[in-house]
C-alpha cells in the first residue's frame, strides 16, 4: 500500500470555506477574490438596508459574498466598491448556513473594479 500526500493541493472549499465556498461549487467559472464592497437592498424603488461585505468569488458578471441581510431570490441590490462606484445586481441564488447567507448575484454593468488577483 502506498500513501500519497495531497497536502499541497488546495480545494475551492478550503480557499473560501464556509457557506460561500459551498455556493461557489455551483458556479465553477467564478474565481476566489477578496474585494470589500457595500451592499444595499433596493425594494419598491427605494434603497433599504445596507451592509459592508467582502466579495469572495467573482467573474463573468457574477459575484458571491456572505451576508447577514435577509436577501431573497430576485432581490435587487446596489454593490459599491471602495471608490464609490455602484453597480446594480439581482440575487440569483441564496444558501443559508449557521446564521449567515451566501449570496450569488448577477451584475448589470461592467465588473472592472472586481478584476483583482
N, C-alpha and C. Protein backbone atom coordinates (compact mmCIF):
# COMPACT_ATOMS: atom_id res chain seq x y z
N UNK A 1 0.83 -1.17 0.00
CA UNK A 1 0.00 0.00 0.00
C UNK A 1 0.88 1.24 0.00
N UNK A 2 0.56 2.21 -0.86
CA UNK A 2 1.34 3.43 -0.98
C UNK A 2 0.49 4.61 -0.52
N UNK A 3 1.09 5.48 0.31
CA UNK A 3 0.39 6.69 0.77
C UNK A 3 0.78 7.86 -0.12
N UNK A 4 -0.17 8.71 -0.42
CA UNK A 4 0.09 9.89 -1.23
C UNK A 4 -0.24 11.13 -0.41
N UNK A 5 0.70 12.06 -0.36
CA UNK A 5 0.49 13.30 0.38
C UNK A 5 -0.10 14.35 -0.55
N UNK A 6 -1.35 14.70 -0.34
CA UNK A 6 -2.02 15.72 -1.15
C UNK A 6 -2.13 17.05 -0.42
N UNK A 7 -1.34 17.26 0.61
CA UNK A 7 -1.48 18.47 1.42
C UNK A 7 -1.13 19.74 0.66
N UNK A 8 -0.41 19.64 -0.45
CA UNK A 8 -0.06 20.84 -1.20
C UNK A 8 -1.17 21.27 -2.15
N UNK A 9 -2.22 20.49 -2.27
CA UNK A 9 -3.33 20.82 -3.15
C UNK A 9 -4.42 21.52 -2.35
N UNK A 10 -4.81 22.69 -2.80
CA UNK A 10 -5.85 23.46 -2.14
C UNK A 10 -7.15 23.35 -2.91
N UNK A 11 -8.22 23.06 -2.18
CA UNK A 11 -9.52 22.96 -2.84
C UNK A 11 -10.26 24.28 -2.74
N UNK A 12 -11.27 24.44 -3.56
CA UNK A 12 -12.09 25.64 -3.56
C UNK A 12 -12.70 25.89 -2.19
N UNK A 13 -13.18 24.83 -1.56
CA UNK A 13 -13.80 24.96 -0.25
C UNK A 13 -12.79 25.41 0.79
N UNK A 14 -11.56 24.94 0.72
CA UNK A 14 -10.54 25.36 1.66
C UNK A 14 -10.20 26.83 1.47
N UNK A 15 -10.21 27.31 0.23
CA UNK A 15 -9.89 28.71 -0.03
C UNK A 15 -10.90 29.64 0.60
N UNK A 16 -12.17 29.39 0.41
CA UNK A 16 -13.19 30.30 0.90
C UNK A 16 -13.82 29.81 2.18
N UNK A 17 -13.91 28.49 2.31
CA UNK A 17 -14.54 27.94 3.50
C UNK A 17 -15.98 28.38 3.62
N UNK A 18 -16.65 27.82 4.59
CA UNK A 18 -17.99 28.27 4.92
C UNK A 18 -18.99 28.20 3.78
N UNK A 19 -20.02 29.01 3.96
CA UNK A 19 -21.16 28.93 3.05
C UNK A 19 -20.85 29.45 1.65
N UNK A 20 -19.98 30.44 1.50
CA UNK A 20 -19.69 30.94 0.15
C UNK A 20 -18.97 29.89 -0.69
N UNK A 21 -18.09 29.14 -0.07
CA UNK A 21 -17.39 28.08 -0.80
C UNK A 21 -18.34 27.01 -1.29
N UNK A 22 -19.32 26.68 -0.48
CA UNK A 22 -20.31 25.67 -0.89
C UNK A 22 -21.17 26.19 -2.05
N UNK A 23 -21.57 27.45 -1.99
CA UNK A 23 -22.36 28.01 -3.08
C UNK A 23 -21.53 28.14 -4.36
N UNK A 24 -20.26 28.47 -4.22
CA UNK A 24 -19.37 28.64 -5.39
C UNK A 24 -19.22 27.36 -6.19
N UNK A 25 -19.45 26.21 -5.59
CA UNK A 25 -19.36 24.95 -6.34
C UNK A 25 -20.37 24.91 -7.49
N UNK A 26 -21.47 25.67 -7.37
CA UNK A 26 -22.48 25.70 -8.43
C UNK A 26 -22.14 26.71 -9.53
N UNK A 27 -21.06 27.47 -9.33
CA UNK A 27 -20.62 28.49 -10.29
C UNK A 27 -19.12 28.29 -10.54
N UNK A 28 -18.73 27.23 -11.24
CA UNK A 28 -17.31 26.90 -11.40
C UNK A 28 -16.51 27.95 -12.17
N UNK A 29 -17.19 28.85 -12.89
CA UNK A 29 -16.47 29.89 -13.64
C UNK A 29 -15.98 31.02 -12.74
N UNK A 30 -16.46 31.09 -11.50
CA UNK A 30 -16.05 32.14 -10.59
C UNK A 30 -14.73 31.79 -9.93
N UNK A 31 -13.94 32.81 -9.66
CA UNK A 31 -12.62 32.63 -9.06
C UNK A 31 -12.57 33.33 -7.70
N UNK A 32 -11.78 32.78 -6.77
CA UNK A 32 -11.65 33.42 -5.45
C UNK A 32 -11.04 34.82 -5.56
N UNK A 33 -11.63 35.77 -4.85
CA UNK A 33 -11.13 37.14 -4.77
C UNK A 33 -11.36 37.62 -3.34
N UNK A 34 -10.81 38.75 -3.02
CA UNK A 34 -11.09 39.42 -1.74
C UNK A 34 -11.28 40.89 -2.04
N UNK A 35 -12.53 41.29 -2.22
CA UNK A 35 -12.84 42.66 -2.59
C UNK A 35 -13.87 43.23 -1.62
N UNK A 36 -13.50 44.23 -0.84
CA UNK A 36 -14.50 44.85 0.04
C UNK A 36 -15.54 45.59 -0.78
N UNK A 37 -16.78 45.54 -0.32
CA UNK A 37 -17.87 46.22 -1.02
C UNK A 37 -18.98 46.53 -0.03
N UNK A 38 -19.85 47.44 -0.42
CA UNK A 38 -21.07 47.71 0.34
C UNK A 38 -22.23 47.20 -0.49
N UNK A 39 -23.18 46.56 0.18
CA UNK A 39 -24.37 46.03 -0.48
C UNK A 39 -25.57 46.78 0.08
N UNK A 40 -26.43 47.23 -0.81
CA UNK A 40 -27.64 47.92 -0.39
C UNK A 40 -28.83 47.28 -1.08
N UNK A 41 -29.81 46.90 -0.29
CA UNK A 41 -31.03 46.28 -0.80
C UNK A 41 -31.93 47.36 -1.39
N UNK A 42 -32.51 47.08 -2.56
CA UNK A 42 -33.44 48.02 -3.21
C UNK A 42 -34.78 47.29 -3.37
N UNK A 43 -35.78 47.75 -2.63
CA UNK A 43 -37.12 47.16 -2.74
C UNK A 43 -38.13 48.28 -2.92
N UNK A 44 -39.07 48.06 -3.81
CA UNK A 44 -40.11 49.04 -4.04
C UNK A 44 -39.58 50.37 -4.56
N UNK A 45 -38.47 50.32 -5.27
CA UNK A 45 -37.91 51.52 -5.86
C UNK A 45 -37.09 52.38 -4.92
N UNK A 46 -37.01 52.00 -3.62
CA UNK A 46 -36.21 52.79 -2.70
C UNK A 46 -35.12 51.94 -2.07
N UNK A 47 -34.03 52.61 -1.71
CA UNK A 47 -32.90 51.92 -1.09
C UNK A 47 -33.24 51.55 0.34
N UNK A 48 -32.82 50.36 0.75
CA UNK A 48 -33.11 49.88 2.09
C UNK A 48 -31.85 49.59 2.87
N UNK A 49 -31.85 48.45 3.54
CA UNK A 49 -30.75 48.05 4.41
C UNK A 49 -29.43 48.01 3.67
N UNK A 50 -28.36 48.34 4.40
CA UNK A 50 -27.02 48.39 3.81
C UNK A 50 -26.07 47.58 4.69
N UNK A 51 -25.10 46.91 4.05
CA UNK A 51 -24.14 46.08 4.78
C UNK A 51 -22.78 46.14 4.08
N UNK A 52 -21.71 46.15 4.88
CA UNK A 52 -20.37 46.03 4.33
C UNK A 52 -20.04 44.55 4.22
N UNK A 53 -19.58 44.11 3.04
CA UNK A 53 -19.29 42.70 2.79
C UNK A 53 -17.92 42.58 2.14
N UNK A 54 -17.47 41.35 2.00
CA UNK A 54 -16.28 41.04 1.24
C UNK A 54 -16.68 40.07 0.13
N UNK A 55 -16.56 40.52 -1.11
CA UNK A 55 -16.84 39.63 -2.24
C UNK A 55 -15.76 38.56 -2.23
N UNK A 56 -16.19 37.29 -2.21
CA UNK A 56 -15.24 36.18 -2.09
C UNK A 56 -15.02 35.43 -3.39
N UNK A 57 -15.97 35.54 -4.33
CA UNK A 57 -15.84 34.92 -5.64
C UNK A 57 -16.39 35.89 -6.68
N UNK A 58 -15.73 35.97 -7.84
CA UNK A 58 -16.19 36.89 -8.89
C UNK A 58 -15.78 36.39 -10.26
N UNK A 59 -16.54 36.83 -11.27
CA UNK A 59 -16.21 36.54 -12.66
C UNK A 59 -17.45 36.45 -13.51
N UNK A 60 -17.32 36.68 -14.79
CA UNK A 60 -18.40 36.52 -15.77
C UNK A 60 -19.70 37.20 -15.33
N UNK A 61 -19.60 38.40 -14.77
CA UNK A 61 -20.79 39.16 -14.41
C UNK A 61 -21.51 38.68 -13.17
N UNK A 62 -20.85 37.84 -12.38
CA UNK A 62 -21.46 37.32 -11.15
C UNK A 62 -20.47 37.42 -10.00
N UNK A 63 -21.01 37.60 -8.80
CA UNK A 63 -20.17 37.59 -7.60
C UNK A 63 -20.89 36.84 -6.50
N UNK A 64 -20.11 36.36 -5.54
CA UNK A 64 -20.65 35.69 -4.36
C UNK A 64 -20.05 36.35 -3.12
N UNK A 65 -20.90 36.61 -2.13
CA UNK A 65 -20.46 37.17 -0.86
C UNK A 65 -21.33 36.59 0.25
N UNK A 66 -20.88 36.75 1.48
CA UNK A 66 -21.63 36.33 2.65
C UNK A 66 -22.35 37.54 3.23
N UNK A 67 -23.58 37.33 3.69
CA UNK A 67 -24.39 38.46 4.17
C UNK A 67 -25.25 38.08 5.36
N UNK A 68 -25.52 39.08 6.20
CA UNK A 68 -26.48 38.93 7.29
C UNK A 68 -27.84 39.50 6.93
N UNK A 69 -27.94 40.19 5.78
CA UNK A 69 -29.21 40.75 5.34
C UNK A 69 -30.19 39.63 4.96
N UNK A 70 -31.46 39.90 5.11
CA UNK A 70 -32.50 38.93 4.73
C UNK A 70 -32.76 39.04 3.23
N UNK A 71 -31.83 38.54 2.44
CA UNK A 71 -31.95 38.62 0.98
C UNK A 71 -32.69 37.41 0.44
N UNK A 72 -33.44 37.64 -0.64
CA UNK A 72 -34.21 36.59 -1.27
C UNK A 72 -33.91 36.54 -2.76
N UNK A 73 -34.25 35.41 -3.38
CA UNK A 73 -34.09 35.25 -4.81
C UNK A 73 -34.78 36.40 -5.54
N UNK A 74 -34.12 36.97 -6.52
CA UNK A 74 -34.61 38.06 -7.38
C UNK A 74 -34.59 39.44 -6.72
N UNK A 75 -34.11 39.55 -5.47
CA UNK A 75 -33.96 40.87 -4.87
C UNK A 75 -33.00 41.71 -5.70
N UNK A 76 -33.27 43.01 -5.75
CA UNK A 76 -32.38 43.94 -6.44
C UNK A 76 -31.46 44.58 -5.42
N UNK A 77 -30.18 44.73 -5.81
CA UNK A 77 -29.16 45.28 -4.92
C UNK A 77 -28.34 46.33 -5.64
N UNK A 78 -27.68 47.15 -4.85
CA UNK A 78 -26.61 48.01 -5.34
C UNK A 78 -25.33 47.55 -4.68
N UNK A 79 -24.30 47.30 -5.47
CA UNK A 79 -22.97 46.97 -4.96
C UNK A 79 -22.09 48.20 -5.16
N UNK A 80 -21.35 48.56 -4.14
CA UNK A 80 -20.49 49.73 -4.23
C UNK A 80 -19.07 49.37 -3.81
N UNK A 81 -18.08 49.77 -4.63
CA UNK A 81 -16.69 49.50 -4.29
C UNK A 81 -16.16 50.60 -3.36
N UNK A 82 -14.89 50.46 -2.96
CA UNK A 82 -14.27 51.42 -2.04
C UNK A 82 -14.19 52.83 -2.60
N UNK A 83 -14.14 52.95 -3.94
CA UNK A 83 -14.04 54.27 -4.58
C UNK A 83 -15.42 54.91 -4.80
N UNK A 84 -16.48 54.18 -4.47
CA UNK A 84 -17.82 54.74 -4.61
C UNK A 84 -18.55 54.35 -5.88
N UNK A 85 -17.92 53.57 -6.76
CA UNK A 85 -18.60 53.14 -8.00
C UNK A 85 -19.69 52.13 -7.65
N UNK A 86 -20.89 52.36 -8.16
CA UNK A 86 -22.02 51.48 -7.89
C UNK A 86 -22.40 50.65 -9.10
N UNK A 87 -22.81 49.42 -8.84
CA UNK A 87 -23.32 48.51 -9.86
C UNK A 87 -24.65 47.94 -9.40
N UNK A 88 -25.60 47.84 -10.30
CA UNK A 88 -26.87 47.19 -9.98
C UNK A 88 -26.69 45.69 -10.11
N UNK A 89 -27.40 44.94 -9.26
CA UNK A 89 -27.31 43.48 -9.29
C UNK A 89 -28.64 42.88 -8.89
N UNK A 90 -28.79 41.59 -9.22
CA UNK A 90 -30.00 40.84 -8.88
C UNK A 90 -29.58 39.51 -8.25
N UNK A 91 -30.20 39.12 -7.14
CA UNK A 91 -29.89 37.87 -6.46
C UNK A 91 -30.34 36.70 -7.31
N UNK A 92 -29.39 35.77 -7.58
CA UNK A 92 -29.73 34.59 -8.39
C UNK A 92 -29.65 33.29 -7.59
N UNK A 93 -29.06 33.34 -6.38
CA UNK A 93 -29.01 32.16 -5.52
C UNK A 93 -28.69 32.59 -4.09
N UNK A 94 -29.29 31.89 -3.13
CA UNK A 94 -29.03 32.14 -1.71
C UNK A 94 -28.90 30.78 -1.03
N UNK A 95 -27.88 30.64 -0.19
CA UNK A 95 -27.70 29.41 0.57
C UNK A 95 -27.43 29.80 2.02
N UNK A 96 -28.22 29.28 2.95
CA UNK A 96 -28.12 29.64 4.36
C UNK A 96 -27.26 28.62 5.11
N UNK A 97 -26.45 29.14 6.05
CA UNK A 97 -25.60 28.26 6.85
C UNK A 97 -25.19 28.99 8.13
N UNK A 98 -25.54 28.42 9.26
CA UNK A 98 -25.14 28.92 10.58
C UNK A 98 -25.38 30.42 10.76
N UNK A 99 -26.57 30.88 10.44
CA UNK A 99 -26.94 32.26 10.68
C UNK A 99 -26.49 33.26 9.63
N UNK A 100 -25.76 32.81 8.65
CA UNK A 100 -25.33 33.69 7.55
C UNK A 100 -25.88 33.14 6.25
N UNK A 101 -25.83 33.97 5.24
CA UNK A 101 -26.28 33.55 3.91
C UNK A 101 -25.18 33.80 2.90
N UNK A 102 -24.94 32.82 2.06
CA UNK A 102 -24.07 33.01 0.89
C UNK A 102 -24.99 33.46 -0.22
N UNK A 103 -24.62 34.55 -0.88
CA UNK A 103 -25.48 35.16 -1.88
C UNK A 103 -24.73 35.27 -3.20
N UNK A 104 -25.34 34.76 -4.27
CA UNK A 104 -24.79 34.92 -5.62
C UNK A 104 -25.66 35.94 -6.34
N UNK A 105 -25.01 36.91 -6.99
CA UNK A 105 -25.75 37.94 -7.72
C UNK A 105 -25.24 38.05 -9.15
N UNK A 106 -26.16 38.43 -10.02
CA UNK A 106 -25.85 38.74 -11.42
C UNK A 106 -25.70 40.25 -11.51
N UNK A 107 -24.57 40.72 -12.04
CA UNK A 107 -24.28 42.15 -12.12
C UNK A 107 -24.83 42.73 -13.42
N UNK A 108 -25.41 43.92 -13.33
CA UNK A 108 -25.82 44.68 -14.52
C UNK A 108 -24.77 45.77 -14.71
N UNK A 109 -23.83 45.55 -15.59
CA UNK A 109 -22.79 46.55 -15.82
C UNK A 109 -21.42 45.92 -15.88
N UNK A 110 -20.40 46.75 -15.89
CA UNK A 110 -19.01 46.33 -16.03
C UNK A 110 -18.40 46.00 -14.67
N UNK A 111 -17.71 44.89 -14.59
CA UNK A 111 -17.09 44.45 -13.34
C UNK A 111 -15.62 44.84 -13.24
N UNK A 112 -15.22 45.93 -13.84
CA UNK A 112 -13.79 46.27 -13.88
C UNK A 112 -13.18 46.39 -12.50
N UNK A 113 -13.90 46.88 -11.53
CA UNK A 113 -13.34 47.03 -10.19
C UNK A 113 -13.26 45.71 -9.44
N UNK A 114 -13.84 44.65 -9.98
CA UNK A 114 -13.74 43.33 -9.35
C UNK A 114 -12.55 42.54 -9.85
N UNK A 115 -11.90 42.98 -10.92
CA UNK A 115 -10.82 42.20 -11.52
C UNK A 115 -9.53 42.42 -10.76
N UNK A 116 -9.38 41.64 -9.70
CA UNK A 116 -8.16 41.72 -8.89
C UNK A 116 -7.61 40.31 -8.74
N UNK A 117 -6.29 40.19 -8.55
CA UNK A 117 -5.71 38.85 -8.40
C UNK A 117 -6.15 38.18 -7.13
